Amino acid sequence: MKNVREPVRIKWIWPVLVAIILLGVPWYLPQGSIEPIIMGFPYWAFISFIMTIALSLFLGYVILNCWSMESLLDDESGNTKAGGGR
């Protein structure tokens, strides 16, 4: 059996993912604060928006660099060429 790289088994991904999610929910800011206004939005909404973009970029990086689908494709093409079903 070939070595399949899966992001769920890479340990450093989980703390980064949890940190981005926790920072994206501005529970750590003072209650009821909306000042300063950044581009028409309260700063907590701007922080949430930036962390959403960071989460998207991080997950894109993980998918492109830590997830190897080639092993799975090789296995599937070997099963179909040999006529074997699942």
Protein backbone atom coordinates (compact mmCIF):
# COMPACT_ATOMS: atom_id res chain seq x y z
CA MET A 1 0.00 0.00 0.00
CA LYS A 2 1.31 3.42 -0.96
CA ASN A 3 1.86 6.22 1.51
CA VAL A 4 -1.10 8.60 1.21
CA ARG A 5 -0.50 12.08 2.58
CA GLU A 6 -3.54 13.37 4.41
CA PRO A 7 -3.68 16.76 6.15
CA VAL A 8 -5.64 15.33 9.09
CA ARG A 9 -2.51 13.45 10.19
CA ILE A 10 -0.19 16.47 10.12
CA LYS A 11 -0.04 17.79 13.67
CA TRP A 12 0.95 21.44 13.07
CA ILE A 13 -2.15 22.11 10.96
CA TRP A 14 -4.57 21.72 13.89
CA PRO A 15 -3.19 24.44 16.22
CA VAL A 16 -2.96 26.91 13.33
CA LEU A 17 -6.54 26.12 12.27
CA VAL A 18 -7.86 26.52 15.82
CA ALA A 19 -5.94 29.79 16.30
CA ILE A 20 -7.32 31.30 13.08
CA ILE A 21 -10.87 30.31 14.01
CA LEU A 22 -10.57 31.65 17.58
CA LEU A 23 -9.04 34.93 16.40
CA GLY A 24 -11.80 35.29 13.79
CA VAL A 25 -14.48 35.41 16.48
CA PRO A 26 -13.74 38.65 18.34
CA TRP A 27 -14.81 37.45 21.80
CA TYR A 28 -11.62 38.90 23.25
CA LEU A 29 -12.59 42.53 22.47
CA PRO A 30 -14.42 44.81 24.94
CA GLN A 31 -18.19 44.34 24.88
CA GLY A 32 -20.14 46.95 22.92
CA SER A 33 -17.11 48.56 21.30
CA ILE A 34 -17.44 49.63 17.68
CA GLU A 35 -14.77 52.33 17.41
CA PRO A 36 -12.69 52.74 15.32
CA ILE A 37 -14.60 52.36 12.07
CA ILE A 38 -12.46 50.84 9.29
CA MET A 39 -13.77 51.22 5.72
CA GLY A 40 -17.28 51.71 7.07
CA PHE A 41 -17.26 48.66 9.35
CA PRO A 42 -16.63 48.34 13.09
CA TYR A 43 -13.13 47.06 13.75
CA TRP A 44 -14.43 43.72 15.09
CA ALA A 45 -16.14 43.07 11.74
CA PHE A 46 -12.93 44.01 9.93
CA ILE A 47 -10.94 41.60 12.15
CA SER A 48 -13.46 38.84 11.41
CA PHE A 49 -13.25 39.55 7.67
CA ILE A 50 -9.43 39.47 7.67
CA MET A 51 -9.38 36.19 9.62
CA THR A 52 -11.88 34.69 7.17
CA ILE A 53 -9.48 35.52 4.35
CA ALA A 54 -6.59 34.07 6.39
CA LEU A 55 -8.59 30.86 6.93
CA SER A 56 -9.29 30.57 3.21
CA LEU A 57 -5.64 31.10 2.31
CA PHE A 58 -4.47 28.62 4.95
CA LEU A 59 -6.90 25.92 3.83
CA GLY A 60 -5.89 26.53 0.20
CA TYR A 61 -2.23 26.10 1.18
CA VAL A 62 -3.00 22.89 3.07
CA ILE A 63 -4.97 21.42 0.17
CA LEU A 64 -2.32 22.28 -2.42
CA ASN A 65 0.79 21.36 -0.42
CA CYS A 66 -0.19 18.77 2.19
CA TRP A 67 -2.76 16.63 0.45
CA SER A 68 -1.47 14.15 -2.12
CA MET A 69 -4.27 12.84 -4.32
CA GLU A 70 -1.88 11.21 -6.81
CA SER A 71 -1.63 8.05 -4.73
CA LEU A 72 -5.40 7.70 -4.72
CA LEU A 73 -5.64 8.32 -8.46
CA ASP A 74 -2.97 5.68 -9.14
CA ASP A 75 -4.88 3.15 -7.01
CA GLU A 76 -8.17 3.87 -8.76
CA SER A 77 -6.67 3.67 -12.25
CA GLY A 78 -5.06 0.32 -11.36
CA ASN A 79 -8.43 -1.09 -10.25
CA THR A 80 -10.24 0.01 -13.41
CA LYS A 81 -7.52 -1.27 -15.78
CA ALA A 82 -7.50 -4.68 -14.14
CA GLY A 83 -11.27 -4.84 -14.37
CA GLY A 84 -11.64 -5.06 -10.63
CA GLY A 85 -14.66 -3.51 -9.04
CA ARG A 86 -15.16 -2.24 -5.56
